[in-house]
Amino acid sequence: MDETEFWELVDTTREDAEGDPEDQADLLVERLGRLDPEAVLDFSRHFESRYNRAYTWDLWGAAWVLLDGASDDAFDFFRCWLIGQGREVFEGAVHDPDALADLLGDFDEEIDGDGEELGYAADEAYEQLTGLVAPDLGIPPAPGEPEGSPVDFEDESALAERYPKLWERFRP
């Protein structure tokens, strides 16, 4: 599976799930289950490499503003959700997290921002196909700390300054 096929699968499942990340994860498991195990591992490699790439202080700060707070786990689930939003949103957010204010349509705090199940979809599909736990993917692990300059999440004026568009749209 190449990068284009990866993003096509992400996009079609998001569209078919009407943006619901849990339904999207279920559809991913179902559709990955139709592929051969190596293609599922390829999908997982694409997903994990993007998940690791999104481990930045800037994105964590954006998640904090969007979600009105984001613990370690919440940020992990946010990164899964961000991948589930597709290539344009993901790449735009990685390049400029404040651009999420323009890239996102409606944002429902009840369902958006938490894609925990998306992070398990490939593993679940692989286990269903093979009866085995997915092997090591052979990609570099995430860094121990987020990339970039730390963000003081408790300083609202600093957050408003660092993320002006997100702050204006999501924290009136």
N, C-alpha and C. Protein backbone atom coordinates (compact mmCIF):
# COMPACT_ATOMS: atom_id res chain seq x y z
N MET A 1 0.84 -1.18 0.00
CA MET A 1 0.00 0.00 0.00
C MET A 1 0.89 1.24 0.00
N ASP A 2 0.65 2.11 -0.96
CA ASP A 2 1.44 3.34 -1.01
C ASP A 2 0.70 4.46 -0.26
N GLU A 3 1.32 5.63 -0.23
CA GLU A 3 0.77 6.76 0.52
C GLU A 3 -0.59 7.20 -0.02
N THR A 4 -0.74 7.20 -1.34
CA THR A 4 -2.02 7.60 -1.95
C THR A 4 -3.13 6.64 -1.53
N GLU A 5 -2.85 5.34 -1.58
CA GLU A 5 -3.85 4.35 -1.18
C GLU A 5 -4.20 4.50 0.31
N PHE A 6 -3.19 4.79 1.13
CA PHE A 6 -3.42 5.02 2.55
C PHE A 6 -4.43 6.15 2.74
N TRP A 7 -4.15 7.30 2.12
CA TRP A 7 -5.03 8.46 2.31
C TRP A 7 -6.41 8.23 1.69
N GLU A 8 -6.49 7.49 0.58
CA GLU A 8 -7.80 7.18 -0.01
C GLU A 8 -8.64 6.35 0.95
N LEU A 9 -8.01 5.41 1.62
CA LEU A 9 -8.73 4.58 2.58
C LEU A 9 -9.19 5.41 3.78
N VAL A 10 -8.33 6.29 4.25
CA VAL A 10 -8.71 7.20 5.35
C VAL A 10 -9.89 8.07 4.92
N ASP A 11 -9.80 8.66 3.74
CA ASP A 11 -10.84 9.57 3.27
C ASP A 11 -12.18 8.87 3.05
N THR A 12 -12.15 7.73 2.38
CA THR A 12 -13.43 7.05 2.09
C THR A 12 -14.10 6.56 3.36
N THR A 13 -13.32 6.08 4.31
CA THR A 13 -13.95 5.61 5.55
C THR A 13 -14.50 6.79 6.37
N ARG A 14 -13.79 7.94 6.37
CA ARG A 14 -14.31 9.11 7.08
C ARG A 14 -15.61 9.58 6.45
N GLU A 15 -15.63 9.65 5.11
CA GLU A 15 -16.84 10.10 4.41
C GLU A 15 -17.99 9.13 4.66
N ASP A 16 -17.72 7.83 4.57
CA ASP A 16 -18.78 6.84 4.78
C ASP A 16 -19.27 6.83 6.22
N ALA A 17 -18.41 7.21 7.15
CA ALA A 17 -18.79 7.27 8.56
C ALA A 17 -19.38 8.63 8.93
N GLU A 18 -19.50 9.50 7.94
CA GLU A 18 -20.04 10.85 8.15
C GLU A 18 -19.30 11.58 9.26
N GLY A 19 -17.96 11.35 9.30
CA GLY A 19 -17.12 12.07 10.23
C GLY A 19 -17.05 11.51 11.64
N ASP A 20 -17.80 10.46 11.95
CA ASP A 20 -17.77 9.87 13.29
C ASP A 20 -16.53 8.98 13.41
N PRO A 21 -15.57 9.33 14.29
CA PRO A 21 -14.32 8.56 14.35
C PRO A 21 -14.49 7.11 14.77
N GLU A 22 -15.46 6.81 15.63
CA GLU A 22 -15.66 5.40 16.03
C GLU A 22 -16.19 4.59 14.86
N ASP A 23 -17.14 5.16 14.12
CA ASP A 23 -17.66 4.47 12.94
C ASP A 23 -16.57 4.34 11.88
N GLN A 24 -15.75 5.37 11.75
CA GLN A 24 -14.64 5.33 10.80
C GLN A 24 -13.68 4.19 11.15
N ALA A 25 -13.38 4.03 12.44
CA ALA A 25 -12.49 2.95 12.87
C ALA A 25 -13.09 1.59 12.52
N ASP A 26 -14.39 1.43 12.75
CA ASP A 26 -15.05 0.16 12.41
C ASP A 26 -14.95 -0.12 10.92
N LEU A 27 -15.17 0.92 10.11
CA LEU A 27 -15.07 0.75 8.66
C LEU A 27 -13.65 0.43 8.23
N LEU A 28 -12.68 1.06 8.88
CA LEU A 28 -11.28 0.75 8.57
C LEU A 28 -10.96 -0.71 8.86
N VAL A 29 -11.39 -1.21 10.00
CA VAL A 29 -11.14 -2.61 10.33
C VAL A 29 -11.77 -3.51 9.27
N GLU A 30 -13.00 -3.19 8.90
CA GLU A 30 -13.70 -4.00 7.90
C GLU A 30 -12.97 -3.98 6.55
N ARG A 31 -12.57 -2.79 6.11
CA ARG A 31 -11.94 -2.68 4.78
C ARG A 31 -10.50 -3.18 4.78
N LEU A 32 -9.79 -2.96 5.86
CA LEU A 32 -8.44 -3.53 5.95
C LEU A 32 -8.51 -5.05 5.99
N GLY A 33 -9.57 -5.58 6.57
CA GLY A 33 -9.76 -7.02 6.65
C GLY A 33 -9.95 -7.69 5.30
N ARG A 34 -10.22 -6.91 4.27
CA ARG A 34 -10.36 -7.44 2.91
C ARG A 34 -9.02 -7.51 2.19
N LEU A 35 -7.98 -6.95 2.79
CA LEU A 35 -6.66 -6.89 2.16
C LEU A 35 -5.78 -8.03 2.67
N ASP A 36 -4.63 -8.18 2.08
CA ASP A 36 -3.69 -9.18 2.59
C ASP A 36 -2.97 -8.59 3.81
N PRO A 37 -2.45 -9.46 4.68
CA PRO A 37 -1.81 -8.98 5.91
C PRO A 37 -0.68 -7.98 5.69
N GLU A 38 0.11 -8.14 4.63
CA GLU A 38 1.20 -7.20 4.39
C GLU A 38 0.68 -5.80 4.07
N ALA A 39 -0.43 -5.72 3.34
CA ALA A 39 -1.03 -4.41 3.05
C ALA A 39 -1.53 -3.75 4.34
N VAL A 40 -2.04 -4.55 5.25
CA VAL A 40 -2.50 -4.02 6.54
C VAL A 40 -1.30 -3.47 7.32
N LEU A 41 -0.18 -4.19 7.29
CA LEU A 41 1.02 -3.69 7.96
C LEU A 41 1.53 -2.42 7.29
N ASP A 42 1.42 -2.33 5.97
CA ASP A 42 1.80 -1.10 5.28
C ASP A 42 0.93 0.06 5.75
N PHE A 43 -0.38 -0.17 5.84
CA PHE A 43 -1.28 0.87 6.35
C PHE A 43 -0.84 1.30 7.75
N SER A 44 -0.53 0.33 8.56
CA SER A 44 -0.11 0.61 9.93
C SER A 44 1.17 1.43 9.96
N ARG A 45 2.10 1.12 9.08
CA ARG A 45 3.35 1.90 9.00
C ARG A 45 3.07 3.35 8.62
N HIS A 46 2.20 3.54 7.62
CA HIS A 46 1.83 4.90 7.23
C HIS A 46 1.19 5.63 8.42
N PHE A 47 0.28 4.96 9.09
CA PHE A 47 -0.43 5.58 10.21
C PHE A 47 0.55 5.95 11.33
N GLU A 48 1.38 4.99 11.73
CA GLU A 48 2.30 5.22 12.84
C GLU A 48 3.33 6.30 12.53
N SER A 49 3.82 6.34 11.31
CA SER A 49 4.80 7.37 10.98
C SER A 49 4.17 8.76 11.05
N ARG A 50 2.93 8.89 10.66
CA ARG A 50 2.25 10.18 10.78
C ARG A 50 1.91 10.50 12.23
N TYR A 51 1.52 9.50 12.96
CA TYR A 51 1.24 9.66 14.39
C TYR A 51 2.48 10.20 15.10
N ASN A 52 3.63 9.62 14.80
CA ASN A 52 4.89 10.07 15.40
C ASN A 52 5.26 11.48 14.92
N ARG A 53 5.02 11.75 13.65
CA ARG A 53 5.33 13.07 13.10
C ARG A 53 4.50 14.17 13.76
N ALA A 54 3.32 13.85 14.19
CA ALA A 54 2.43 14.83 14.81
C ALA A 54 2.72 15.04 16.30
N TYR A 55 3.76 14.40 16.80
CA TYR A 55 4.10 14.53 18.22
C TYR A 55 4.94 15.79 18.41
N THR A 56 4.25 16.94 18.36
CA THR A 56 4.92 18.23 18.50
C THR A 56 4.21 19.07 19.56
N TRP A 57 4.97 19.94 20.16
CA TRP A 57 4.38 20.86 21.14
C TRP A 57 3.35 21.77 20.48
N ASP A 58 3.64 22.21 19.25
CA ASP A 58 2.71 23.11 18.57
C ASP A 58 1.35 22.45 18.37
N LEU A 59 1.34 21.18 17.95
CA LEU A 59 0.05 20.49 17.77
C LEU A 59 -0.62 20.22 19.11
N TRP A 60 0.17 19.93 20.13
CA TRP A 60 -0.42 19.69 21.45
C TRP A 60 -1.11 20.97 21.94
N GLY A 61 -0.49 22.10 21.71
CA GLY A 61 -1.11 23.37 22.09
C GLY A 61 -2.41 23.60 21.34
N ALA A 62 -2.41 23.28 20.04
CA ALA A 62 -3.63 23.43 19.24
C ALA A 62 -4.72 22.50 19.77
N ALA A 63 -4.35 21.27 20.11
CA ALA A 63 -5.32 20.33 20.69
C ALA A 63 -5.85 20.88 22.01
N TRP A 64 -4.98 21.47 22.79
CA TRP A 64 -5.38 22.04 24.08
C TRP A 64 -6.45 23.12 23.88
N VAL A 65 -6.24 23.98 22.90
CA VAL A 65 -7.22 25.03 22.63
C VAL A 65 -8.53 24.44 22.12
N LEU A 66 -8.45 23.52 21.15
CA LEU A 66 -9.65 22.91 20.57
C LEU A 66 -10.47 22.15 21.60
N LEU A 67 -9.78 21.41 22.47
CA LEU A 67 -10.46 20.51 23.40
C LEU A 67 -10.64 21.12 24.78
N ASP A 68 -10.20 22.37 24.96
CA ASP A 68 -10.24 23.02 26.26
C ASP A 68 -9.48 22.18 27.29
N GLY A 69 -8.28 21.77 26.89
CA GLY A 69 -7.41 20.94 27.72
C GLY A 69 -7.14 19.62 27.03
N ALA A 70 -5.91 19.11 27.19
CA ALA A 70 -5.55 17.84 26.55
C ALA A 70 -4.44 17.16 27.34
N SER A 71 -4.80 16.10 28.06
CA SER A 71 -3.82 15.29 28.78
C SER A 71 -2.94 14.54 27.78
N ASP A 72 -1.96 13.80 28.29
CA ASP A 72 -1.12 12.97 27.42
C ASP A 72 -1.98 12.05 26.56
N ASP A 73 -2.90 11.33 27.20
CA ASP A 73 -3.77 10.40 26.47
C ASP A 73 -4.66 11.14 25.49
N ALA A 74 -5.23 12.26 25.91
CA ALA A 74 -6.10 13.01 25.01
C ALA A 74 -5.33 13.48 23.78
N PHE A 75 -4.07 13.87 23.96
CA PHE A 75 -3.27 14.28 22.81
C PHE A 75 -2.96 13.09 21.91
N ASP A 76 -2.70 11.93 22.48
CA ASP A 76 -2.50 10.72 21.67
C ASP A 76 -3.74 10.46 20.81
N PHE A 77 -4.91 10.53 21.41
CA PHE A 77 -6.16 10.25 20.69
C PHE A 77 -6.45 11.36 19.67
N PHE A 78 -6.05 12.59 20.00
CA PHE A 78 -6.21 13.70 19.07
C PHE A 78 -5.37 13.47 17.81
N ARG A 79 -4.15 12.99 17.97
CA ARG A 79 -3.30 12.73 16.80
C ARG A 79 -3.90 11.65 15.92
N CYS A 80 -4.49 10.63 16.51
CA CYS A 80 -5.18 9.60 15.72
C CYS A 80 -6.35 10.23 14.95
N TRP A 81 -7.12 11.06 15.64
CA TRP A 81 -8.25 11.73 15.01
C TRP A 81 -7.78 12.62 13.87
N LEU A 82 -6.67 13.34 14.10
CA LEU A 82 -6.14 14.25 13.08
C LEU A 82 -5.78 13.49 11.81
N ILE A 83 -5.16 12.34 11.94
CA ILE A 83 -4.86 11.51 10.77
C ILE A 83 -6.16 11.12 10.08
N GLY A 84 -7.16 10.78 10.87
CA GLY A 84 -8.45 10.39 10.32
C GLY A 84 -9.17 11.49 9.56
N GLN A 85 -8.72 12.73 9.72
CA GLN A 85 -9.33 13.85 9.00
C GLN A 85 -8.84 13.97 7.57
N GLY A 86 -7.82 13.19 7.23
CA GLY A 86 -7.34 13.17 5.85
C GLY A 86 -6.08 13.99 5.65
N ARG A 87 -5.53 13.81 4.48
CA ARG A 87 -4.22 14.38 4.15
C ARG A 87 -4.19 15.90 4.24
N GLU A 88 -5.18 16.58 3.66
CA GLU A 88 -5.16 18.04 3.64
C GLU A 88 -5.18 18.62 5.05
N VAL A 89 -6.06 18.12 5.88
CA VAL A 89 -6.15 18.62 7.26
C VAL A 89 -4.90 18.24 8.04
N PHE A 90 -4.46 16.99 7.91
CA PHE A 90 -3.28 16.54 8.65
C PHE A 90 -2.05 17.35 8.27
N GLU A 91 -1.76 17.42 6.97
CA GLU A 91 -0.55 18.12 6.53
C GLU A 91 -0.64 19.61 6.86
N GLY A 92 -1.81 20.19 6.70
CA GLY A 92 -1.99 21.60 7.04
C GLY A 92 -1.74 21.86 8.51
N ALA A 93 -2.24 20.96 9.36
CA ALA A 93 -2.08 21.12 10.81
C ALA A 93 -0.63 20.91 11.24
N VAL A 94 0.05 19.94 10.64
CA VAL A 94 1.45 19.71 10.98
C VAL A 94 2.29 20.92 10.58
N HIS A 95 1.98 21.48 9.43
CA HIS A 95 2.72 22.66 8.94
C HIS A 95 2.41 23.90 9.78
N ASP A 96 1.13 24.11 10.11
CA ASP A 96 0.69 25.28 10.86
C ASP A 96 -0.52 24.91 11.71
N PRO A 97 -0.30 24.51 12.97
CA PRO A 97 -1.41 24.06 13.80
C PRO A 97 -2.55 25.08 13.92
N ASP A 98 -2.24 26.37 13.89
CA ASP A 98 -3.29 27.38 13.98
C ASP A 98 -4.22 27.35 12.77
N ALA A 99 -3.73 26.78 11.65
CA ALA A 99 -4.54 26.68 10.44
C ALA A 99 -5.73 25.74 10.63
N LEU A 100 -5.75 24.94 11.70
CA LEU A 100 -6.90 24.09 11.96
C LEU A 100 -8.18 24.91 12.05
N ALA A 101 -8.07 26.16 12.46
CA ALA A 101 -9.25 27.02 12.54
C ALA A 101 -9.91 27.16 11.17
N ASP A 102 -9.11 27.15 10.12
CA ASP A 102 -9.63 27.26 8.75
C ASP A 102 -9.89 25.90 8.12
N LEU A 103 -9.12 24.90 8.51
CA LEU A 103 -9.20 23.58 7.88
C LEU A 103 -10.39 22.75 8.36
N LEU A 104 -10.84 22.99 9.59
CA LEU A 104 -11.92 22.19 10.15
C LEU A 104 -13.27 22.82 9.85
N GLY A 105 -14.22 21.98 9.54
CA GLY A 105 -15.60 22.45 9.42
C GLY A 105 -16.19 22.53 10.81
N ASP A 106 -17.37 22.00 10.96
CA ASP A 106 -17.98 21.94 12.29
C ASP A 106 -17.12 21.09 13.20
N PHE A 107 -17.05 21.47 14.46
CA PHE A 107 -16.26 20.72 15.43
C PHE A 107 -17.15 20.45 16.63
N ASP A 108 -17.51 19.19 16.83
CA ASP A 108 -18.37 18.78 17.94
C ASP A 108 -17.49 18.14 19.01
N GLU A 109 -17.34 18.81 20.14
CA GLU A 109 -16.46 18.30 21.19
C GLU A 109 -16.86 16.92 21.70
N GLU A 110 -18.10 16.53 21.46
CA GLU A 110 -18.56 15.21 21.91
C GLU A 110 -17.95 14.08 21.10
N ILE A 111 -17.69 14.32 19.81
CA ILE A 111 -17.14 13.23 18.98
C ILE A 111 -15.83 13.59 18.30
N ASP A 112 -15.60 14.87 18.04
CA ASP A 112 -14.38 15.26 17.31
C ASP A 112 -13.21 15.40 18.27
N GLY A 113 -12.02 15.19 17.72
CA GLY A 113 -10.80 15.35 18.50
C GLY A 113 -10.35 14.09 19.22
N ASP A 114 -11.16 13.03 19.20
CA ASP A 114 -10.80 11.79 19.89
C ASP A 114 -10.93 10.63 18.91
N GLY A 115 -9.79 10.18 18.40
CA GLY A 115 -9.78 9.07 17.45
C GLY A 115 -9.07 7.85 18.00
N GLU A 116 -9.25 7.59 19.30
CA GLU A 116 -8.55 6.47 19.93
C GLU A 116 -8.70 5.18 19.12
N GLU A 117 -9.92 4.86 18.72
CA GLU A 117 -10.17 3.60 18.02
C GLU A 117 -9.47 3.54 16.67
N LEU A 118 -9.27 4.69 16.04
CA LEU A 118 -8.55 4.71 14.75
C LEU A 118 -7.13 4.18 14.91
N GLY A 119 -6.54 4.45 16.07
CA GLY A 119 -5.18 4.00 16.33
C GLY A 119 -5.04 2.49 16.46
N TYR A 120 -6.16 1.80 16.69
CA TYR A 120 -6.13 0.34 16.86
C TYR A 120 -6.65 -0.41 15.64
N ALA A 121 -7.17 0.30 14.65
CA ALA A 121 -7.86 -0.35 13.53
C ALA A 121 -6.97 -1.34 12.78
N ALA A 122 -5.76 -0.94 12.44
CA ALA A 122 -4.88 -1.83 11.67
C ALA A 122 -4.49 -3.06 12.49
N ASP A 123 -4.20 -2.86 13.78
CA ASP A 123 -3.85 -4.00 14.63
C ASP A 123 -5.01 -4.99 14.71
N GLU A 124 -6.21 -4.45 14.86
CA GLU A 124 -7.39 -5.31 14.96
C GLU A 124 -7.61 -6.08 13.66
N ALA A 125 -7.48 -5.40 12.53
CA ALA A 125 -7.66 -6.07 11.24
C ALA A 125 -6.60 -7.15 11.04
N TYR A 126 -5.37 -6.85 11.40
CA TYR A 126 -4.29 -7.83 11.24
C TYR A 126 -4.57 -9.08 12.09
N GLU A 127 -5.00 -8.87 13.32
CA GLU A 127 -5.30 -10.01 14.19
C GLU A 127 -6.47 -10.83 13.65
N GLN A 128 -7.48 -10.15 13.09
CA GLN A 128 -8.61 -10.89 12.52
C GLN A 128 -8.16 -11.71 11.31
N LEU A 129 -7.25 -11.16 10.52
CA LEU A 129 -6.78 -11.86 9.33
C LEU A 129 -5.87 -13.05 9.64
N THR A 130 -5.00 -12.87 10.62
CA THR A 130 -3.94 -13.85 10.84
C THR A 130 -4.07 -14.63 12.14
N GLY A 131 -4.83 -14.11 13.09
CA GLY A 131 -4.89 -14.72 14.41
C GLY A 131 -3.67 -14.38 15.25
N LEU A 132 -2.82 -13.48 14.75
CA LEU A 132 -1.59 -13.11 15.43
C LEU A 132 -1.58 -11.62 15.75
N VAL A 133 -0.77 -11.26 16.74
CA VAL A 133 -0.53 -9.86 17.04
C VAL A 133 0.41 -9.32 15.96
N ALA A 134 0.16 -8.10 15.52
CA ALA A 134 1.00 -7.51 14.47
C ALA A 134 2.45 -7.44 14.93
N PRO A 135 3.39 -7.76 14.04
CA PRO A 135 4.81 -7.70 14.40
C PRO A 135 5.29 -6.25 14.48
N ASP A 136 6.52 -6.09 14.94
CA ASP A 136 7.14 -4.77 14.96
C ASP A 136 7.14 -4.22 13.53
N LEU A 137 6.81 -2.95 13.39
CA LEU A 137 6.67 -2.35 12.06
C LEU A 137 8.00 -1.93 11.45
N GLY A 138 9.05 -1.90 12.25
CA GLY A 138 10.35 -1.54 11.73
C GLY A 138 10.50 -0.06 11.41
N ILE A 139 9.71 0.77 12.07
CA ILE A 139 9.86 2.22 11.88
C ILE A 139 10.43 2.82 13.16
N PRO A 140 11.10 3.95 13.06
CA PRO A 140 11.67 4.56 14.27
C PRO A 140 10.56 4.90 15.27
N PRO A 141 10.84 4.73 16.55
CA PRO A 141 9.83 5.07 17.56
C PRO A 141 9.67 6.59 17.66
N ALA A 142 8.58 6.99 18.28
CA ALA A 142 8.35 8.42 18.53
C ALA A 142 9.42 8.92 19.49
N PRO A 143 9.77 10.20 19.39
CA PRO A 143 10.72 10.75 20.35
C PRO A 143 10.14 10.72 21.76
N GLY A 144 11.01 10.76 22.75
CA GLY A 144 10.55 10.73 24.14
C GLY A 144 9.76 11.96 24.55
N GLU A 145 10.08 13.06 23.93
CA GLU A 145 9.39 14.33 24.19
C GLU A 145 8.88 14.89 22.86
N PRO A 146 7.81 15.68 22.91
CA PRO A 146 7.34 16.29 21.66
C PRO A 146 8.43 17.17 21.04
N GLU A 147 8.41 17.26 19.73
CA GLU A 147 9.35 18.12 18.99
C GLU A 147 8.95 19.58 19.18
N GLY A 148 9.93 20.46 19.13
CA GLY A 148 9.66 21.89 19.17
C GLY A 148 9.77 22.49 20.55
N SER A 149 9.27 23.71 20.67
CA SER A 149 9.33 24.45 21.93
C SER A 149 8.11 24.16 22.79
N PRO A 150 8.32 23.85 24.07
CA PRO A 150 7.18 23.58 24.95
C PRO A 150 6.21 24.76 25.02
N VAL A 151 4.97 24.41 25.29
CA VAL A 151 3.88 25.37 25.39
C VAL A 151 3.40 25.38 26.84
N ASP A 152 3.20 26.57 27.40
CA ASP A 152 2.62 26.68 28.74
C ASP A 152 1.11 26.66 28.59
N PHE A 153 0.52 25.49 28.80
CA PHE A 153 -0.91 25.30 28.59
C PHE A 153 -1.77 26.10 29.57
N GLU A 154 -1.19 26.49 30.69
CA GLU A 154 -1.96 27.22 31.70
C GLU A 154 -1.99 28.72 31.44
N ASP A 155 -1.19 29.20 30.51
CA ASP A 155 -1.10 30.63 30.21
C ASP A 155 -2.02 30.95 29.02
N GLU A 156 -3.25 31.36 29.33
CA GLU A 156 -4.23 31.59 28.28
C GLU A 156 -3.81 32.71 27.33
N SER A 157 -3.17 33.74 27.83
CA SER A 157 -2.76 34.83 26.93
C SER A 157 -1.68 34.34 25.96
N ALA A 158 -0.78 33.46 26.43
CA ALA A 158 0.25 32.90 25.55
C ALA A 158 -0.39 31.99 24.50
N LEU A 159 -1.40 31.21 24.90
CA LEU A 159 -2.10 30.35 23.94
C LEU A 159 -2.84 31.19 22.91
N ALA A 160 -3.50 32.24 23.36
CA ALA A 160 -4.23 33.12 22.44
C ALA A 160 -3.28 33.78 21.45
N GLU A 161 -2.09 34.11 21.91
CA GLU A 161 -1.10 34.74 21.04
C GLU A 161 -0.51 33.73 20.05
N ARG A 162 -0.25 32.52 20.52
CA ARG A 162 0.38 31.49 19.67
C ARG A 162 -0.61 30.90 18.66
N TYR A 163 -1.89 30.86 19.02
CA TYR A 163 -2.93 30.27 18.17
C TYR A 163 -4.08 31.27 18.00
N PRO A 164 -3.85 32.41 17.38
CA PRO A 164 -4.88 33.44 17.33
C PRO A 164 -6.18 33.02 16.64
N LYS A 165 -6.06 32.30 15.52
CA LYS A 165 -7.27 31.89 14.79
C LYS A 165 -8.05 30.82 15.56
N LEU A 166 -7.33 29.84 16.10
CA LEU A 166 -8.00 28.81 16.89
C LEU A 166 -8.65 29.43 18.12
N TRP A 167 -7.94 30.33 18.78
CA TRP A 167 -8.45 30.95 19.99
C TRP A 167 -9.72 31.72 19.70
N GLU A 168 -9.69 32.48 18.61
CA GLU A 168 -10.86 33.29 18.27
C GLU A 168 -12.07 32.41 17.92
N ARG A 169 -11.82 31.32 17.20
CA ARG A 169 -12.94 30.48 16.75
C ARG A 169 -13.47 29.55 17.85
N PHE A 170 -12.58 29.00 18.66
CA PHE A 170 -13.01 27.94 19.59
C PHE A 170 -13.00 28.34 21.05
N ARG A 171 -12.49 29.51 21.38
CA ARG A 171 -12.45 29.93 22.77
C ARG A 171 -12.93 31.37 22.93
N PRO A 172 -14.14 31.66 22.47
CA PRO A 172 -14.62 33.04 22.53
C PRO A 172 -14.81 33.56 23.95
